Amino acid sequence: RNEMGQEGSKVRSYMFGCIADQLPKVEN
């Protein structure tokens, strides 16, 4: 996010990929 805010950044946004279909740990 900090890098995107800098002048001259080539990226304005990110697609943030989350694989979320499997079993979480007990504490989660």
PDB file of all heavy atoms in Angstrom:
ATOM      1  N   ARG A   1       0.836  -1.205   0.000  1.00  0.00           N
ATOM      2  CA  ARG A   1       0.000   0.000   0.000  1.00  0.00           C
ATOM      3  C   ARG A   1       0.872   1.258   0.000  1.00  0.00           C
ATOM      4  O   ARG A   1       0.592   2.222  -0.717  1.00  0.00           O
ATOM      5  CB  ARG A   1      -0.924  -0.003   1.213  1.00  0.00           C
ATOM      6  CG  ARG A   1      -1.716   1.291   1.373  1.00  0.00           C
ATOM      7  CD  ARG A   1      -2.593   1.247   2.610  1.00  0.00           C
ATOM      8  NE  ARG A   1      -3.834   0.528   2.346  1.00  0.00           N
ATOM      9  CZ  ARG A   1      -4.755   0.271   3.271  1.00  0.00           C
ATOM     10  NH1 ARG A   1      -4.553   0.634   4.533  1.00  0.00           N
ATOM     11  NH2 ARG A   1      -5.877  -0.356   2.949  1.00  0.00           N
ATOM     12  N   ASN A   2       1.928   1.240   0.780  1.00  0.00           N
ATOM     13  CA  ASN A   2       2.841   2.381   0.830  1.00  0.00           C
ATOM     14  C   ASN A   2       3.513   2.601  -0.525  1.00  0.00           C
ATOM     15  O   ASN A   2       3.651   3.744  -0.988  1.00  0.00           O
ATOM     16  CB  ASN A   2       3.897   2.147   1.907  1.00  0.00           C
ATOM     17  CG  ASN A   2       4.859   3.319   2.028  1.00  0.00           C
ATOM     18  OD1 ASN A   2       4.464   4.453   2.299  1.00  0.00           O
ATOM     19  ND2 ASN A   2       6.148   3.049   1.826  1.00  0.00           N
ATOM     20  N   GLU A   3       3.918   1.518  -1.180  1.00  0.00           N
ATOM     21  CA  GLU A   3       4.553   1.630  -2.492  1.00  0.00           C
ATOM     22  C   GLU A   3       3.592   2.201  -3.524  1.00  0.00           C
ATOM     23  O   GLU A   3       3.988   2.998  -4.390  1.00  0.00           O
ATOM     24  CB  GLU A   3       5.050   0.256  -2.940  1.00  0.00           C
ATOM     25  CG  GLU A   3       6.213  -0.272  -2.120  1.00  0.00           C
ATOM     26  CD  GLU A   3       6.532  -1.727  -2.434  1.00  0.00           C
ATOM     27  OE1 GLU A   3       5.983  -2.241  -3.439  1.00  0.00           O
ATOM     28  OE2 GLU A   3       7.306  -2.345  -1.687  1.00  0.00           O
ATOM     29  N   MET A   4       2.316   1.797  -3.457  1.00  0.00           N
ATOM     30  CA  MET A   4       1.325   2.328  -4.403  1.00  0.00           C
ATOM     31  C   MET A   4       1.129   3.823  -4.231  1.00  0.00           C
ATOM     32  O   MET A   4       0.797   4.532  -5.179  1.00  0.00           O
ATOM     33  CB  MET A   4      -0.012   1.597  -4.213  1.00  0.00           C
ATOM     34  CG  MET A   4      -0.064   0.233  -4.858  1.00  0.00           C
ATOM     35  SD  MET A   4      -1.721  -0.484  -4.764  1.00  0.00           S
ATOM     36  CE  MET A   4      -1.802  -0.999  -3.051  1.00  0.00           C
ATOM     37  N   GLY A   5       1.332   4.329  -3.022  1.00  0.00           N
ATOM     38  CA  GLY A   5       1.123   5.748  -2.750  1.00  0.00           C
ATOM     39  C   GLY A   5       2.270   6.634  -3.185  1.00  0.00           C
ATOM     40  O   GLY A   5       2.157   7.865  -3.140  1.00  0.00           O
ATOM     41  N   GLN A   6       3.365   6.019  -3.606  1.00  0.00           N
ATOM     42  CA  GLN A   6       4.529   6.814  -4.009  1.00  0.00           C
ATOM     43  C   GLN A   6       4.399   7.300  -5.443  1.00  0.00           C
ATOM     44  O   GLN A   6       3.816   6.634  -6.300  1.00  0.00           O
ATOM     45  CB  GLN A   6       5.798   5.982  -3.835  1.00  0.00           C
ATOM     46  CG  GLN A   6       6.110   5.610  -2.391  1.00  0.00           C
ATOM     47  CD  GLN A   6       7.334   4.739  -2.257  1.00  0.00           C
ATOM     48  OE1 GLN A   6       8.016   4.449  -3.231  1.00  0.00           O
ATOM     49  NE2 GLN A   6       7.620   4.304  -1.030  1.00  0.00           N
ATOM     50  N   GLU A   7       4.967   8.462  -5.699  1.00  0.00           N
ATOM     51  CA  GLU A   7       4.910   9.053  -7.031  1.00  0.00           C
ATOM     52  C   GLU A   7       5.623   8.147  -8.036  1.00  0.00           C
ATOM     53  O   GLU A   7       6.696   7.619  -7.769  1.00  0.00           O
ATOM     54  CB  GLU A   7       5.574  10.430  -7.017  1.00  0.00           C
ATOM     55  CG  GLU A   7       5.448  11.182  -8.327  1.00  0.00           C
ATOM     56  CD  GLU A   7       6.036  12.580  -8.244  1.00  0.00           C
ATOM     57  OE1 GLU A   7       6.384  13.012  -7.130  1.00  0.00           O
ATOM     58  OE2 GLU A   7       6.151  13.227  -9.300  1.00  0.00           O
ATOM     59  N   GLY A   8       5.003   7.959  -9.180  1.00  0.00           N
ATOM     60  CA  GLY A   8       5.597   7.138 -10.222  1.00  0.00           C
ATOM     61  C   GLY A   8       5.318   5.650 -10.112  1.00  0.00           C
ATOM     62  O   GLY A   8       5.848   4.855 -10.890  1.00  0.00           O
ATOM     63  N   SER A   9       4.494   5.246  -9.151  1.00  0.00           N
ATOM     64  CA  SER A   9       4.181   3.830  -8.998  1.00  0.00           C
ATOM     65  C   SER A   9       3.488   3.306 -10.253  1.00  0.00           C
ATOM     66  O   SER A   9       2.590   3.950 -10.795  1.00  0.00           O
ATOM     67  CB  SER A   9       3.280   3.613  -7.774  1.00  0.00           C
ATOM     68  OG  SER A   9       2.844   2.274  -7.723  1.00  0.00           O
ATOM     69  N   LYS A  10       3.899   2.133 -10.698  1.00  0.00           N
ATOM     70  CA  LYS A  10       3.303   1.523 -11.884  1.00  0.00           C
ATOM     71  C   LYS A  10       2.039   0.731 -11.556  1.00  0.00           C
ATOM     72  O   LYS A  10       1.353   0.251 -12.453  1.00  0.00           O
ATOM     73  CB  LYS A  10       4.330   0.606 -12.563  1.00  0.00           C
ATOM     74  CG  LYS A  10       5.536   1.346 -13.123  1.00  0.00           C
ATOM     75  CD  LYS A  10       6.499   0.380 -13.806  1.00  0.00           C
ATOM     76  CE  LYS A  10       7.693   1.116 -14.369  1.00  0.00           C
ATOM     77  NZ  LYS A  10       8.651   0.195 -15.044  1.00  0.00           N
ATOM     78  N   VAL A  11       1.749   0.572 -10.262  1.00  0.00           N
ATOM     79  CA  VAL A  11       0.599  -0.215  -9.824  1.00  0.00           C
ATOM     80  C   VAL A  11      -0.336   0.669  -9.016  1.00  0.00           C
ATOM     81  O   VAL A  11       0.088   1.369  -8.101  1.00  0.00           O
ATOM     82  CB  VAL A  11       1.051  -1.421  -8.969  1.00  0.00           C
ATOM     83  CG1 VAL A  11      -0.149  -2.179  -8.433  1.00  0.00           C
ATOM     84  CG2 VAL A  11       1.947  -2.346  -9.787  1.00  0.00           C
ATOM     85  N   ARG A  12      -1.628   0.651  -9.361  1.00  0.00           N
ATOM     86  CA  ARG A  12      -2.605   1.465  -8.634  1.00  0.00           C
ATOM     87  C   ARG A  12      -3.463   0.630  -7.696  1.00  0.00           C
ATOM     88  O   ARG A  12      -4.158   1.167  -6.819  1.00  0.00           O
ATOM     89  CB  ARG A  12      -3.511   2.210  -9.604  1.00  0.00           C
ATOM     90  CG  ARG A  12      -4.312   1.293 -10.525  1.00  0.00           C
ATOM     91  CD  ARG A  12      -5.355   2.052 -11.296  1.00  0.00           C
ATOM     92  NE  ARG A  12      -6.020   1.227 -12.297  1.00  0.00           N
ATOM     93  CZ  ARG A  12      -7.228   1.479 -12.767  1.00  0.00           C
ATOM     94  NH1 ARG A  12      -7.911   2.509 -12.325  1.00  0.00           N
ATOM     95  NH2 ARG A  12      -7.752   0.699 -13.686  1.00  0.00           N
ATOM     96  N   SER A  13      -3.458  -0.704  -7.893  1.00  0.00           N
ATOM     97  CA  SER A  13      -4.281  -1.588  -7.086  1.00  0.00           C
ATOM     98  C   SER A  13      -3.729  -3.001  -7.230  1.00  0.00           C
ATOM     99  O   SER A  13      -2.945  -3.276  -8.148  1.00  0.00           O
ATOM    100  CB  SER A  13      -5.740  -1.536  -7.551  1.00  0.00           C
ATOM    101  OG  SER A  13      -6.568  -2.357  -6.742  1.00  0.00           O
ATOM    102  N   TYR A  14      -4.115  -3.875  -6.307  1.00  0.00           N
ATOM    103  CA  TYR A  14      -3.677  -5.271  -6.364  1.00  0.00           C
ATOM    104  C   TYR A  14      -4.875  -6.209  -6.272  1.00  0.00           C
ATOM    105  O   TYR A  14      -5.785  -5.988  -5.477  1.00  0.00           O
ATOM    106  CB  TYR A  14      -2.735  -5.605  -5.204  1.00  0.00           C
ATOM    107  CG  TYR A  14      -1.284  -5.273  -5.455  1.00  0.00           C
ATOM    108  CD1 TYR A  14      -0.757  -4.041  -5.070  1.00  0.00           C
ATOM    109  CD2 TYR A  14      -0.420  -6.184  -6.071  1.00  0.00           C
ATOM    110  CE1 TYR A  14       0.572  -3.723  -5.288  1.00  0.00           C
ATOM    111  CE2 TYR A  14       0.910  -5.884  -6.290  1.00  0.00           C
ATOM    112  CZ  TYR A  14       1.403  -4.658  -5.899  1.00  0.00           C
ATOM    113  OH  TYR A  14       2.728  -4.348  -6.118  1.00  0.00           O
ATOM    114  N   MET A  15      -4.831  -7.266  -7.075  1.00  0.00           N
ATOM    115  CA  MET A  15      -5.731  -8.388  -6.894  1.00  0.00           C
ATOM    116  C   MET A  15      -5.066  -9.309  -5.881  1.00  0.00           C
ATOM    117  O   MET A  15      -3.952  -9.802  -6.105  1.00  0.00           O
ATOM    118  CB  MET A  15      -5.957  -9.123  -8.215  1.00  0.00           C
ATOM    119  CG  MET A  15      -7.046 -10.155  -8.169  1.00  0.00           C
ATOM    120  SD  MET A  15      -8.711  -9.455  -8.241  1.00  0.00           S
ATOM    121  CE  MET A  15      -8.914  -9.248 -10.027  1.00  0.00           C
ATOM    122  N   PHE A  16      -5.719  -9.520  -4.748  1.00  0.00           N
ATOM    123  CA  PHE A  16      -5.149 -10.262  -3.636  1.00  0.00           C
ATOM    124  C   PHE A  16      -5.786 -11.649  -3.596  1.00  0.00           C
ATOM    125  O   PHE A  16      -6.929 -11.813  -3.185  1.00  0.00           O
ATOM    126  CB  PHE A  16      -5.409  -9.490  -2.343  1.00  0.00           C
ATOM    127  CG  PHE A  16      -4.974 -10.159  -1.084  1.00  0.00           C
ATOM    128  CD1 PHE A  16      -3.675 -10.602  -0.921  1.00  0.00           C
ATOM    129  CD2 PHE A  16      -5.875 -10.341  -0.042  1.00  0.00           C
ATOM    130  CE1 PHE A  16      -3.274 -11.210   0.258  1.00  0.00           C
ATOM    131  CE2 PHE A  16      -5.486 -10.945   1.150  1.00  0.00           C
ATOM    132  CZ  PHE A  16      -4.185 -11.388   1.296  1.00  0.00           C
ATOM    133  N   GLY A  17      -5.057 -12.672  -4.065  1.00  0.00           N
ATOM    134  CA  GLY A  17      -5.617 -14.010  -4.188  1.00  0.00           C
ATOM    135  C   GLY A  17      -5.617 -14.775  -2.882  1.00  0.00           C
ATOM    136  O   GLY A  17      -4.588 -14.874  -2.208  1.00  0.00           O
ATOM    137  N   CYS A  18      -6.773 -15.324  -2.514  1.00  0.00           N
ATOM    138  CA  CYS A  18      -6.926 -16.086  -1.271  1.00  0.00           C
ATOM    139  C   CYS A  18      -7.593 -17.424  -1.570  1.00  0.00           C
ATOM    140  O   CYS A  18      -8.773 -17.458  -1.936  1.00  0.00           O
ATOM    141  CB  CYS A  18      -7.766 -15.312  -0.260  1.00  0.00           C
ATOM    142  SG  CYS A  18      -7.069 -13.731   0.248  1.00  0.00           S
ATOM    143  N   ILE A  19      -6.857 -18.526  -1.414  1.00  0.00           N
ATOM    144  CA  ILE A  19      -7.448 -19.859  -1.534  1.00  0.00           C
ATOM    145  C   ILE A  19      -7.995 -20.230  -0.169  1.00  0.00           C
ATOM    146  O   ILE A  19      -7.237 -20.364   0.795  1.00  0.00           O
ATOM    147  CB  ILE A  19      -6.409 -20.879  -2.019  1.00  0.00           C
ATOM    148  CG1 ILE A  19      -5.922 -20.506  -3.425  1.00  0.00           C
ATOM    149  CG2 ILE A  19      -6.995 -22.284  -2.014  1.00  0.00           C
ATOM    150  CD1 ILE A  19      -4.900 -21.461  -3.995  1.00  0.00           C
ATOM    151  N   ALA A  20      -9.297 -20.408  -0.072  1.00  0.00           N
ATOM    152  CA  ALA A  20      -9.938 -20.458   1.253  1.00  0.00           C
ATOM    153  C   ALA A  20     -10.919 -21.608   1.421  1.00  0.00           C
ATOM    154  O   ALA A  20     -11.860 -21.516   2.197  1.00  0.00           O
ATOM    155  CB  ALA A  20     -10.650 -19.129   1.513  1.00  0.00           C
ATOM    156  N   ASP A  21     -10.688 -22.727   0.729  1.00  0.00           N
ATOM    157  CA  ASP A  21     -11.684 -23.797   0.769  1.00  0.00           C
ATOM    158  C   ASP A  21     -11.322 -24.963   1.684  1.00  0.00           C
ATOM    159  O   ASP A  21     -12.136 -25.863   1.867  1.00  0.00           O
ATOM    160  CB  ASP A  21     -11.911 -24.346  -0.644  1.00  0.00           C
ATOM    161  CG  ASP A  21     -10.632 -24.905  -1.262  1.00  0.00           C
ATOM    162  OD1 ASP A  21      -9.588 -24.231  -1.167  1.00  0.00           O
ATOM    163  OD2 ASP A  21     -10.671 -26.007  -1.838  1.00  0.00           O
ATOM    164  N   GLN A  22     -10.118 -24.964   2.273  1.00  0.00           N
ATOM    165  CA  GLN A  22      -9.725 -26.142   3.031  1.00  0.00           C
ATOM    166  C   GLN A  22      -9.832 -25.936   4.540  1.00  0.00           C
ATOM    167  O   GLN A  22     -10.283 -24.899   5.013  1.00  0.00           O
ATOM    168  CB  GLN A  22      -8.331 -26.584   2.604  1.00  0.00           C
ATOM    169  CG  GLN A  22      -8.344 -27.051   1.139  1.00  0.00           C
ATOM    170  CD  GLN A  22      -7.192 -27.937   0.769  1.00  0.00           C
ATOM    171  OE1 GLN A  22      -6.070 -27.696   1.164  1.00  0.00           O
ATOM    172  NE2 GLN A  22      -7.466 -28.980  -0.001  1.00  0.00           N
ATOM    173  N   LEU A  23      -9.426 -26.950   5.281  1.00  0.00           N
ATOM    174  CA  LEU A  23      -9.678 -26.997   6.720  1.00  0.00           C
ATOM    175  C   LEU A  23      -8.715 -26.100   7.489  1.00  0.00           C
ATOM    176  O   LEU A  23      -7.500 -26.274   7.402  1.00  0.00           O
ATOM    177  CB  LEU A  23      -9.530 -28.446   7.209  1.00  0.00           C
ATOM    178  CG  LEU A  23      -9.788 -28.717   8.682  1.00  0.00           C
ATOM    179  CD1 LEU A  23     -11.250 -28.463   9.015  1.00  0.00           C
ATOM    180  CD2 LEU A  23      -9.403 -30.150   9.024  1.00  0.00           C
ATOM    181  N   PRO A  24      -9.239 -25.138   8.261  1.00  0.00           N
ATOM    182  CA  PRO A  24      -8.350 -24.302   9.080  1.00  0.00           C
ATOM    183  C   PRO A  24      -7.832 -25.062  10.291  1.00  0.00           C
ATOM    184  O   PRO A  24      -8.409 -26.070  10.705  1.00  0.00           O
ATOM    185  CB  PRO A  24      -9.262 -23.144   9.510  1.00  0.00           C
ATOM    186  CG  PRO A  24     -10.633 -23.708   9.473  1.00  0.00           C
ATOM    187  CD  PRO A  24     -10.643 -24.741   8.378  1.00  0.00           C
ATOM    188  N   LYS A  25      -6.737 -24.563  10.867  1.00  0.00           N
ATOM    189  CA  LYS A  25      -6.229 -25.149  12.103  1.00  0.00           C
ATOM    190  C   LYS A  25      -7.245 -24.931  13.221  1.00  0.00           C
ATOM    191  O   LYS A  25      -8.065 -24.020  13.169  1.00  0.00           O
ATOM    192  CB  LYS A  25      -4.886 -24.523  12.469  1.00  0.00           C
ATOM    193  CG  LYS A  25      -3.767 -24.850  11.485  1.00  0.00           C
ATOM    194  CD  LYS A  25      -2.462 -24.214  11.920  1.00  0.00           C
ATOM    195  CE  LYS A  25      -1.336 -24.565  10.952  1.00  0.00           C
ATOM    196  NZ  LYS A  25      -0.047 -23.939  11.350  1.00  0.00           N
ATOM    197  N   VAL A  26      -7.141 -25.755  14.251  1.00  0.00           N
ATOM    198  CA  VAL A  26      -8.112 -25.707  15.353  1.00  0.00           C
ATOM    199  C   VAL A  26      -8.224 -24.309  15.930  1.00  0.00           C
ATOM    200  O   VAL A  26      -9.329 -23.795  16.178  1.00  0.00           O
ATOM    201  CB  VAL A  26      -7.718 -26.713  16.459  1.00  0.00           C
ATOM    202  CG1 VAL A  26      -8.608 -26.536  17.679  1.00  0.00           C
ATOM    203  CG2 VAL A  26      -7.809 -28.140  15.944  1.00  0.00           C
ATOM    204  N   GLU A  27      -7.076 -23.650  16.132  1.00  0.00           N
ATOM    205  CA  GLU A  27      -7.094 -22.325  16.757  1.00  0.00           C
ATOM    206  C   GLU A  27      -7.678 -21.249  15.848  1.00  0.00           C
ATOM    207  O   GLU A  27      -7.993 -20.147  16.290  1.00  0.00           O
ATOM    208  CB  GLU A  27      -5.681 -21.914  17.188  1.00  0.00           C
ATOM    209  CG  GLU A  27      -4.668 -21.778  16.059  1.00  0.00           C
ATOM    210  CD  GLU A  27      -3.921 -23.072  15.759  1.00  0.00           C
ATOM    211  OE1 GLU A  27      -4.456 -24.160  16.084  1.00  0.00           O
ATOM    212  OE2 GLU A  27      -2.818 -22.993  15.190  1.00  0.00           O
ATOM    213  N   ASN A  28      -7.847 -21.570  14.560  1.00  0.00           N
ATOM    214  CA  ASN A  28      -8.400 -20.595  13.613  1.00  0.00           C
ATOM    215  C   ASN A  28      -9.840 -20.898  13.216  1.00  0.00           C
ATOM    216  O   ASN A  28     -10.358 -20.297  12.270  1.00  0.00           O
ATOM    217  CB  ASN A  28      -7.532 -20.533  12.352  1.00  0.00           C
ATOM    218  CG  ASN A  28      -6.151 -19.976  12.628  1.00  0.00           C
ATOM    219  OD1 ASN A  28      -5.999 -19.087  13.469  1.00  0.00           O
ATOM    220  ND2 ASN A  28      -5.138 -20.478  11.943  1.00  0.00           N
TER     221      ASN A  28
END
